[in-house]
Amino acid sequence: MENHQNSPQDQENKRKRSVLGRIFSPWTFLILILAVGVYFYLEHEPEQEDDEPRERPPAAVELAPASEITLLDTVRGVGTLRPVQRVDIRPETSGRIKTVHFQEGTFISKNELLFQIEEQKLLRRLSSQEAALDEARARLENLLRNYQRFSMLRSQEVVSEEEYDQVKTDLESTRAQVRRLKADVDHVREEIDDTVIRAPFDGFISERLADPGSFVSQGETLSVMYQIDPLRISFFLPEKYFAQTAVDQKVRVAVPAYPDESFEGQVDYISPSIDESTRKFRVRADIENPDNLLRPGFFAQATQILGQRVDSLVIPEKSLVAVRDGYMVFTVDPENGRARAQMVSTGMRRPGLVQITDGLSTNDLVVTAGHMQLEDGARVEIVEEMDDDWAGQWDESLPDEGFDTAEQYTGGL
C-alpha cells in the first residue's frame, strides 16, 4: 500500500524550494536587469565639456538713466539768532510814571507811545521861566532905546564917556540874560518832551520794568526793544572754505521751532582773520524775517551757498555697489540685454541721490534693483525703467533773485 504521507526529508526540501521561489521570483530578475543597465549607462555616459556651462536665466532688474541737474556747493555752520538792534528804553528825565501805553511782548511801530511821565512840575517851571524871559526882553527893549539915545548924546558930547559905557554895559548884560533865560525855557521844554517816551524803531518790546506811579530816575531801564527784521546770525567755518566765501552769498537757516520752514538771507561780514585755536573764521549774515516768526536767541543751523555745480551727472544712490576699491554700478545695454560692471567715482550726495564724477555718461542706464544677483555680462530682463526727468525733484538751480521756495531745497542743503 502506497504511503501518501511525506517523509520529514521531503517536507524540508519542499520548504527550501518555496523560499528560493519567493527570492528568485520574476520581479527579482527584472530589478537586477534594470540595476545592471543603469550601472552600465552611468559608466559610459559622455561627460559635458567644462567650457560649455549652462547659462543662467535672465535676472529681473529695474533701471534709471544717468541724468544732469544743478547741485549747490554748500557748507554748514551753527549759531544763535540775534537782533540787529537791541535798545534799552530809558527816560532822559526823572519823574513819576503817569501812564503805560503798550502790551508786553507785542509788536510796536516806530514812534508809538510807550511811557508818559508826569509833567505838571515841569509845566509850572516852564511858566515861571517864560515869565522871566518876557520880563528880560521888555527890559532889553527899554535899554536898547536908552542906548540909542545915549549914543546920539555922546556924539554931541552931552553925556560923559562913563555914562555912555554904563548904558552900553547894561544893554549887553540884559542881552546875555535874555539868551540865558531863553536857553532855560528851551531846556524845560525839552524835559517836558522827554516825559513822552516813544519807540525808536519797529520791533518787539519786552516786559515793563516800571509800573504807573513808580518814580524813575534818569537813565533807568524801563523796558527793552528788539528789531527782529532782519535778524543776524554768526557762525564759524573751517579755514579751507575761506577762499570760497564772499559777501552777499546766499544763506539759509533752519530752526527747531519751525522744522518745515526755511529762512533766507545774505552774508554781510567775513572775519579777516582765522582763529588760531580752532582754525576757523567767523561769518555773519542778515536773515530776512518779514513775518516775525523768528526770535532772538533761537538756535539755528545755517547753510551757506558757495556756488552751483551745473550739469552734475547723478544716479539713484541705491545703484551703488560697494567694492574694495570704491564703488561700482551695473549698466545695461538695451540692444543685447546684458549687464556690464563699471567702476565709478562719486561726488556730492543728497538723500537718495549721488553725483558721479567719472565712469558714466548722460543717459547711461544703471541698475537700481536686482543688481545683487548680477555679474559682468549676465543677461537681464528689464521690468521697470524710470523716466528721463526722475532727478528733477533734486534740482537746486538758484533763481535770479535768490531762493524761490523752501521746498525747492528739501534735503538739498
Protein backbone atom coordinates (compact mmCIF):
# COMPACT_ATOMS: atom_id res chain seq x y z
CA MET A 1 0.00 0.00 0.00
CA GLU A 2 1.38 3.27 -1.11
CA ASN A 3 2.26 5.68 1.65
CA HIS A 4 0.85 9.11 0.80
CA GLN A 5 2.42 10.82 3.77
CA ASN A 6 5.59 12.74 3.09
CA SER A 7 8.64 11.94 4.99
CA PRO A 8 10.37 14.67 7.04
CA GLN A 9 13.09 14.87 4.47
CA ASP A 10 10.60 15.60 1.70
CA GLN A 11 8.91 18.27 3.72
CA GLU A 12 12.24 20.06 4.36
CA ASN A 13 13.13 20.01 0.63
CA LYS A 14 9.74 21.37 -0.25
CA ARG A 15 10.11 24.26 2.21
CA LYS A 16 13.54 25.25 0.76
CA ARG A 17 12.12 25.27 -2.78
CA SER A 18 9.34 27.53 -1.61
CA VAL A 19 11.75 30.05 -0.05
CA LEU A 20 14.00 30.10 -3.14
CA GLY A 21 10.98 30.55 -5.30
CA ARG A 22 9.99 33.66 -3.40
CA ILE A 23 13.55 35.09 -3.51
CA PHE A 24 14.18 34.42 -7.18
CA SER A 25 10.80 35.41 -8.48
CA PRO A 26 10.48 37.09 -11.97
CA TRP A 27 10.33 40.52 -10.29
CA THR A 28 13.68 39.91 -8.70
CA PHE A 29 15.29 39.17 -12.04
CA LEU A 30 13.68 42.30 -13.56
CA ILE A 31 15.08 44.56 -10.83
CA LEU A 32 18.56 43.04 -11.26
CA ILE A 33 18.47 43.65 -15.00
CA LEU A 34 17.44 47.31 -14.50
CA ALA A 35 20.20 47.88 -11.95
CA VAL A 36 22.84 46.45 -14.28
CA GLY A 37 21.55 48.62 -17.13
CA VAL A 38 21.69 51.82 -15.07
CA TYR A 39 25.18 50.99 -13.94
CA PHE A 40 26.47 50.49 -17.49
CA TYR A 41 24.68 53.72 -18.62
CA LEU A 42 26.27 55.80 -15.91
CA GLU A 43 29.68 54.31 -16.53
CA HIS A 44 29.59 55.07 -20.24
CA GLU A 45 27.66 58.46 -20.17
CA PRO A 46 29.66 61.12 -22.10
CA GLU A 47 30.99 63.91 -19.85
CA GLN A 48 29.98 67.55 -20.62
CA GLU A 49 32.76 69.81 -21.67
CA ASP A 50 33.85 72.33 -18.97
CA ASP A 51 33.89 75.17 -21.48
CA GLU A 52 30.14 74.79 -22.20
CA PRO A 53 28.42 75.70 -18.87
CA ARG A 54 24.68 76.14 -18.66
CA GLU A 55 23.71 79.88 -18.90
CA ARG A 56 21.61 81.37 -16.10
CA PRO A 57 18.15 82.64 -16.89
CA PRO A 58 17.80 86.47 -17.28
CA ALA A 59 17.72 88.39 -14.00
CA ALA A 60 14.83 90.80 -13.42
CA VAL A 61 16.16 94.35 -12.94
CA GLU A 62 14.94 97.94 -12.61
CA LEU A 63 16.79 100.76 -14.40
CA ALA A 64 17.27 104.52 -14.25
CA PRO A 65 19.06 106.80 -16.71
CA ALA A 66 22.00 108.90 -15.51
CA SER A 67 20.72 112.49 -15.51
CA GLU A 68 22.17 116.00 -15.32
CA ILE A 69 20.93 118.53 -12.75
CA THR A 70 22.29 121.53 -10.87
CA LEU A 71 23.64 120.91 -7.38
CA LEU A 72 24.57 123.57 -4.85
CA ASP A 73 28.02 123.56 -3.27
CA THR A 74 27.28 124.33 0.36
CA VAL A 75 28.83 124.44 3.81
CA ARG A 76 27.07 124.38 7.17
CA GLY A 77 27.51 126.12 10.47
CA VAL A 78 25.50 126.67 13.63
CA GLY A 79 24.82 129.79 15.60
CA THR A 80 22.31 131.86 17.57
CA LEU A 81 19.97 134.43 16.08
CA ARG A 82 20.48 137.92 17.44
CA PRO A 83 18.67 141.20 16.80
CA VAL A 84 20.22 143.79 14.52
CA GLN A 85 19.23 146.40 17.13
CA ARG A 86 18.56 145.99 20.83
CA VAL A 87 17.71 149.13 22.77
CA ASP A 88 17.09 149.66 26.47
CA ILE A 89 14.16 152.07 26.88
CA ARG A 90 15.37 154.68 29.39
CA PRO A 91 13.94 158.08 30.38
CA GLU A 92 16.02 161.20 29.84
CA THR A 93 14.36 162.92 32.79
CA SER A 94 13.41 161.83 36.29
CA GLY A 95 9.81 161.68 37.42
CA ARG A 96 6.82 159.56 38.25
CA ILE A 97 5.33 157.20 35.63
CA LYS A 98 1.98 158.62 34.60
CA THR A 99 0.77 156.03 32.04
CA VAL A 100 1.99 152.94 30.15
CA HIS A 101 0.72 152.60 26.58
CA PHE A 102 1.83 149.16 25.36
CA GLN A 103 1.14 145.46 25.84
CA GLU A 104 4.17 143.49 26.92
CA GLY A 105 5.69 141.17 24.32
CA THR A 106 3.86 142.71 21.36
CA PHE A 107 4.98 144.35 18.14
CA ILE A 108 5.49 148.10 18.40
CA SER A 109 5.68 150.55 15.49
CA LYS A 110 8.24 153.32 15.31
CA ASN A 111 7.28 156.48 17.27
CA GLU A 112 4.47 154.64 19.06
CA LEU A 113 3.90 155.98 22.60
CA LEU A 114 5.34 153.72 25.31
CA PHE A 115 5.52 155.65 28.61
CA GLN A 116 4.44 159.06 29.84
CA ILE A 117 5.99 160.70 32.89
CA GLU A 118 4.12 163.29 34.96
CA GLU A 119 4.91 166.77 33.63
CA GLN A 120 2.97 169.13 35.93
CA LYS A 121 6.01 170.34 37.85
CA LEU A 122 7.86 170.94 34.61
CA LEU A 123 4.92 172.88 33.18
CA ARG A 124 4.91 175.17 36.22
CA ARG A 125 8.64 175.63 35.91
CA LEU A 126 8.23 176.43 32.25
CA SER A 127 5.63 179.04 33.01
CA SER A 128 7.96 180.73 35.52
CA GLN A 129 10.89 180.66 33.11
CA GLU A 130 8.78 182.08 30.27
CA ALA A 131 7.63 184.97 32.56
CA ALA A 132 11.21 185.80 33.49
CA LEU A 133 12.14 185.71 29.80
CA ASP A 134 9.33 188.11 28.89
CA GLU A 135 10.48 190.49 31.66
CA ALA A 136 14.07 190.40 30.44
CA ARG A 137 13.03 191.02 26.86
CA ALA A 138 10.98 194.08 27.94
CA ARG A 139 13.96 195.45 29.86
CA LEU A 140 16.18 194.77 26.85
CA GLU A 141 13.92 196.81 24.59
CA ASN A 142 13.98 199.73 27.04
CA LEU A 143 17.77 199.57 27.37
CA LEU A 144 18.15 199.40 23.60
CA ARG A 145 16.18 202.65 23.19
CA ASN A 146 18.16 204.23 26.01
CA TYR A 147 21.44 203.14 24.39
CA GLN A 148 20.44 204.66 21.06
CA ARG A 149 19.61 207.96 22.80
CA PHE A 150 22.90 207.98 24.73
CA SER A 151 24.80 207.20 21.57
CA MET A 152 23.37 210.35 19.96
CA LEU A 153 24.08 212.44 23.08
CA ARG A 154 27.59 211.10 23.28
CA SER A 155 28.25 212.14 19.70
CA GLN A 156 27.21 215.65 20.77
CA GLU A 157 29.35 215.32 23.91
CA VAL A 158 26.31 215.99 26.07
CA VAL A 159 26.93 212.94 28.26
CA SER A 160 30.22 211.71 29.65
CA GLU A 161 32.11 208.63 28.50
CA GLU A 162 31.40 206.91 31.79
CA GLU A 163 27.63 207.35 31.48
CA TYR A 164 27.69 206.05 27.91
CA ASP A 165 29.75 202.98 28.87
CA GLN A 166 27.37 202.21 31.76
CA VAL A 167 24.34 202.22 29.44
CA LYS A 168 26.19 200.02 26.95
CA THR A 169 27.17 197.56 29.68
CA ASP A 170 23.59 197.35 30.97
CA LEU A 171 22.41 196.61 27.43
CA GLU A 172 24.93 193.78 26.88
CA SER A 173 24.18 192.31 30.31
CA THR A 174 20.46 192.24 29.63
CA ARG A 175 21.03 190.67 26.22
CA ALA A 176 23.03 187.89 27.89
CA GLN A 177 20.28 187.45 30.47
CA VAL A 178 17.67 187.09 27.71
CA ARG A 179 19.80 184.42 26.00
CA ARG A 180 20.25 182.55 29.28
CA LEU A 181 16.52 182.67 30.11
CA LYS A 182 15.67 181.54 26.58
CA ALA A 183 18.04 178.59 26.98
CA ASP A 184 16.39 177.75 30.30
CA VAL A 185 12.95 177.82 28.67
CA ASP A 186 14.17 175.56 25.82
CA HIS A 187 15.69 173.17 28.33
CA VAL A 188 12.43 172.90 30.29
CA ARG A 189 10.52 172.34 27.07
CA GLU A 190 12.93 169.51 26.15
CA GLU A 191 12.39 167.99 29.59
CA ILE A 192 8.64 168.14 29.00
CA ASP A 193 9.12 166.47 25.62
CA ASP A 194 11.26 163.83 27.36
CA THR A 195 8.33 162.88 29.57
CA VAL A 196 6.83 161.25 26.47
CA ILE A 197 8.83 158.10 25.60
CA ARG A 198 8.28 156.66 22.11
CA ALA A 199 9.51 153.58 20.25
CA PRO A 200 12.79 154.24 18.39
CA PHE A 201 12.04 151.68 15.62
CA ASP A 202 9.67 148.92 14.55
CA GLY A 203 10.14 145.86 16.75
CA PHE A 204 9.02 143.80 19.70
CA ILE A 205 9.05 145.07 23.26
CA SER A 206 9.79 143.05 26.39
CA GLU A 207 8.11 143.23 29.76
CA ARG A 208 7.86 146.60 31.52
CA LEU A 209 10.15 147.15 34.47
CA ALA A 210 8.22 150.07 35.99
CA ASP A 211 4.51 150.44 36.74
CA PRO A 212 2.34 153.57 36.70
CA GLY A 213 3.00 155.62 39.83
CA SER A 214 6.60 154.45 40.17
CA PHE A 215 9.28 157.09 40.42
CA VAL A 216 12.06 156.53 37.90
CA SER A 217 15.41 158.19 37.60
CA GLN A 218 17.08 159.47 34.50
CA GLY A 219 18.75 156.55 32.66
CA GLU A 220 16.83 153.80 34.49
CA THR A 221 15.80 150.89 32.22
CA LEU A 222 12.02 150.74 31.77
CA SER A 223 11.84 148.04 29.06
CA VAL A 224 13.82 146.59 26.12
CA MET A 225 13.01 146.70 22.40
CA TYR A 226 14.29 144.34 19.69
CA GLN A 227 14.39 144.91 15.96
CA ILE A 228 13.91 141.42 14.51
CA ASP A 229 13.59 142.03 10.78
CA PRO A 230 16.21 141.24 9.78
CA LEU A 231 17.86 139.06 12.41
CA ARG A 232 21.55 138.38 12.48
CA ILE A 233 23.46 135.11 12.84
CA SER A 234 27.17 134.47 13.28
CA PHE A 235 28.74 131.06 12.67
CA PHE A 236 32.22 129.63 12.15
CA LEU A 237 33.55 127.79 9.09
CA PRO A 238 36.77 125.79 8.63
CA GLU A 239 39.61 127.79 7.09
CA LYS A 240 39.61 125.64 3.92
CA TYR A 241 36.40 127.43 2.85
CA PHE A 242 37.86 130.94 3.27
CA ALA A 243 38.73 131.43 -0.41
CA GLN A 244 35.25 130.32 -1.48
CA THR A 245 33.37 132.60 0.92
CA ALA A 246 32.23 136.04 -0.20
CA VAL A 247 29.95 138.84 0.96
CA ASP A 248 26.38 138.70 -0.45
CA GLN A 249 26.43 134.90 -0.79
CA LYS A 250 23.07 133.30 -0.03
CA VAL A 251 22.45 131.76 3.38
CA ARG A 252 19.53 129.61 4.52
CA VAL A 253 18.77 128.89 8.16
CA ALA A 254 16.59 126.27 9.81
CA VAL A 255 15.36 126.41 13.41
CA PRO A 256 13.82 123.68 15.59
CA ALA A 257 10.74 125.82 16.24
CA TYR A 258 9.72 125.63 12.56
CA PRO A 259 11.11 122.36 11.19
CA ASP A 260 9.21 122.68 7.89
CA GLU A 261 10.24 126.29 7.24
CA SER A 262 13.41 127.85 5.85
CA PHE A 263 14.56 131.44 6.13
CA GLU A 264 16.90 133.15 3.69
CA GLY A 265 19.45 135.90 3.94
CA GLN A 266 22.87 137.09 2.80
CA VAL A 267 26.40 137.21 4.14
CA ASP A 268 27.28 140.76 5.21
CA TYR A 269 30.57 140.22 7.04
CA ILE A 270 33.54 137.83 6.89
CA SER A 271 36.21 137.91 9.56
CA PRO A 272 39.58 138.95 8.12
CA SER A 273 41.47 136.59 10.46
CA ILE A 274 41.45 132.90 11.38
CA ASP A 275 41.12 131.75 14.98
CA GLU A 276 44.44 130.05 15.73
CA SER A 277 42.96 127.70 18.33
CA THR A 278 40.13 126.34 16.15
CA ARG A 279 41.39 127.13 12.63
CA LYS A 280 38.02 128.61 11.80
CA PHE A 281 36.78 132.04 10.76
CA ARG A 282 33.56 133.89 11.58
CA VAL A 283 30.83 134.63 9.07
CA ARG A 284 27.87 136.92 9.78
CA ALA A 285 24.63 137.02 7.82
CA ASP A 286 21.40 139.00 7.97
CA ILE A 287 18.32 136.76 7.80
CA GLU A 288 15.02 138.11 6.48
CA ASN A 289 12.12 137.79 8.92
CA PRO A 290 9.14 139.59 7.33
CA ASP A 291 6.52 137.52 9.16
CA ASN A 292 8.28 137.91 12.53
CA LEU A 293 8.38 134.15 13.06
CA LEU A 294 11.99 134.09 14.20
CA ARG A 295 13.01 135.37 17.61
CA PRO A 296 16.32 136.50 19.10
CA GLY A 297 18.03 133.62 20.86
CA PHE A 298 16.81 130.87 18.52
CA PHE A 299 19.38 128.15 17.84
CA ALA A 300 19.82 127.89 14.07
CA GLN A 301 21.65 125.79 11.53
CA ALA A 302 23.00 127.97 8.72
CA THR A 303 23.70 126.66 5.23
CA GLN A 304 25.86 128.93 3.11
CA ILE A 305 25.83 128.52 -0.67
CA LEU A 306 29.36 128.72 -2.02
CA GLY A 307 28.42 128.09 -5.65
CA GLN A 308 26.47 125.99 -8.14
CA ARG A 309 27.58 122.82 -9.91
CA VAL A 310 25.67 123.00 -13.18
CA ASP A 311 25.08 119.83 -15.25
CA SER A 312 26.09 117.47 -12.46
CA LEU A 313 25.68 113.83 -13.50
CA VAL A 314 23.61 111.94 -10.90
CA ILE A 315 22.15 108.48 -10.36
CA PRO A 316 20.00 106.94 -7.61
CA GLU A 317 22.12 106.20 -4.56
CA LYS A 318 20.80 102.64 -4.37
CA SER A 319 22.56 101.87 -7.66
CA LEU A 320 25.97 101.89 -5.98
CA VAL A 321 27.67 98.61 -5.12
CA ALA A 322 30.49 98.92 -2.58
CA VAL A 323 33.70 97.10 -3.54
CA ARG A 324 37.21 97.04 -2.12
CA ASP A 325 38.46 99.88 -4.34
CA GLY A 326 35.40 102.14 -4.06
CA TYR A 327 32.07 101.84 -5.84
CA MET A 328 30.76 100.19 -8.96
CA VAL A 329 27.45 100.10 -10.81
CA PHE A 330 25.86 97.79 -13.34
CA THR A 331 24.90 99.37 -16.63
CA VAL A 332 22.62 97.72 -19.18
CA ASP A 333 22.78 97.84 -22.98
CA PRO A 334 19.18 97.54 -24.19
CA GLU A 335 20.34 96.15 -27.55
CA ASN A 336 21.96 92.99 -26.19
CA GLY A 337 20.15 92.87 -22.83
CA ARG A 338 23.30 92.25 -20.83
CA ALA A 339 24.71 93.90 -17.71
CA ARG A 340 28.18 95.40 -17.51
CA ALA A 341 30.08 96.14 -14.28
CA GLN A 342 31.51 99.68 -14.24
CA MET A 343 33.71 101.35 -11.63
CA VAL A 344 32.63 104.93 -10.81
CA SER A 345 33.87 107.92 -8.82
CA THR A 346 31.35 109.68 -6.59
CA GLY A 347 30.98 113.33 -5.60
CA MET A 348 28.28 115.20 -3.73
CA ARG A 349 25.40 113.30 -2.14
CA ARG A 350 21.80 114.01 -1.33
CA PRO A 351 19.35 111.66 0.38
CA GLY A 352 18.64 109.05 -2.32
CA LEU A 353 20.97 110.67 -4.86
CA VAL A 354 24.69 110.63 -5.65
CA GLN A 355 26.81 112.63 -8.07
CA ILE A 356 29.05 110.66 -10.45
CA THR A 357 32.26 112.45 -11.39
CA ASP A 358 33.79 109.70 -13.53
CA GLY A 359 32.76 106.40 -15.10
CA LEU A 360 29.35 107.20 -16.61
CA SER A 361 27.82 109.36 -19.31
CA THR A 362 24.46 111.06 -19.62
CA ASN A 363 21.55 108.63 -20.22
CA ASP A 364 23.60 105.53 -19.34
CA LEU A 365 21.12 103.03 -17.90
CA VAL A 366 22.11 101.86 -14.41
CA VAL A 367 20.56 99.05 -12.42
CA THR A 368 18.67 100.31 -9.34
CA ALA A 369 17.17 96.99 -8.19
CA GLY A 370 18.19 93.40 -8.83
CA HIS A 371 21.94 94.06 -9.06
CA MET A 372 22.73 91.75 -6.14
CA GLN A 373 22.17 88.74 -8.41
CA LEU A 374 24.16 90.14 -11.34
CA GLU A 375 27.64 89.59 -12.63
CA ASP A 376 29.51 91.15 -15.52
CA GLY A 377 27.92 90.03 -18.79
CA ALA A 378 24.80 88.50 -17.23
CA ARG A 379 21.54 88.56 -19.18
CA VAL A 380 18.81 90.79 -17.73
CA GLU A 381 15.10 91.28 -18.06
CA ILE A 382 14.02 94.91 -17.67
CA VAL A 383 10.86 95.06 -15.55
CA GLU A 384 10.79 98.82 -14.90
CA GLU A 385 12.64 101.93 -16.13
CA MET A 386 12.48 105.44 -14.60
CA ASP A 387 11.62 108.46 -16.72
CA ASP A 388 14.38 110.72 -18.00
CA ASP A 389 13.31 113.53 -15.63
CA TRP A 390 13.33 111.40 -12.47
CA ALA A 391 16.05 113.60 -10.89
CA GLY A 392 14.18 116.89 -11.37
CA GLN A 393 12.96 116.92 -7.77
CA TRP A 394 16.59 117.29 -6.60
CA ASP A 395 17.49 120.13 -8.96
CA GLU A 396 18.81 123.07 -6.92
CA SER A 397 19.10 125.79 -9.56
CA LEU A 398 19.10 129.21 -7.92
CA PRO A 399 16.53 131.72 -9.20
CA ASP A 400 17.88 135.05 -10.42
CA GLU A 401 16.65 136.80 -7.27
CA GLY A 402 17.76 134.25 -4.71
CA PHE A 403 15.74 131.42 -3.19
CA ASP A 404 12.35 130.61 -4.62
CA THR A 405 10.68 128.28 -2.12
CA ALA A 406 11.77 126.29 0.85
CA GLU A 407 10.51 123.10 -0.79
CA GLN A 408 12.94 123.61 -3.66
CA TYR A 409 15.80 122.66 -1.36
CA THR A 410 14.20 119.86 0.64
CA GLY A 411 17.09 117.58 1.54
CA GLY A 412 19.34 119.55 -0.75
CA LEU A 413 21.48 121.62 1.56
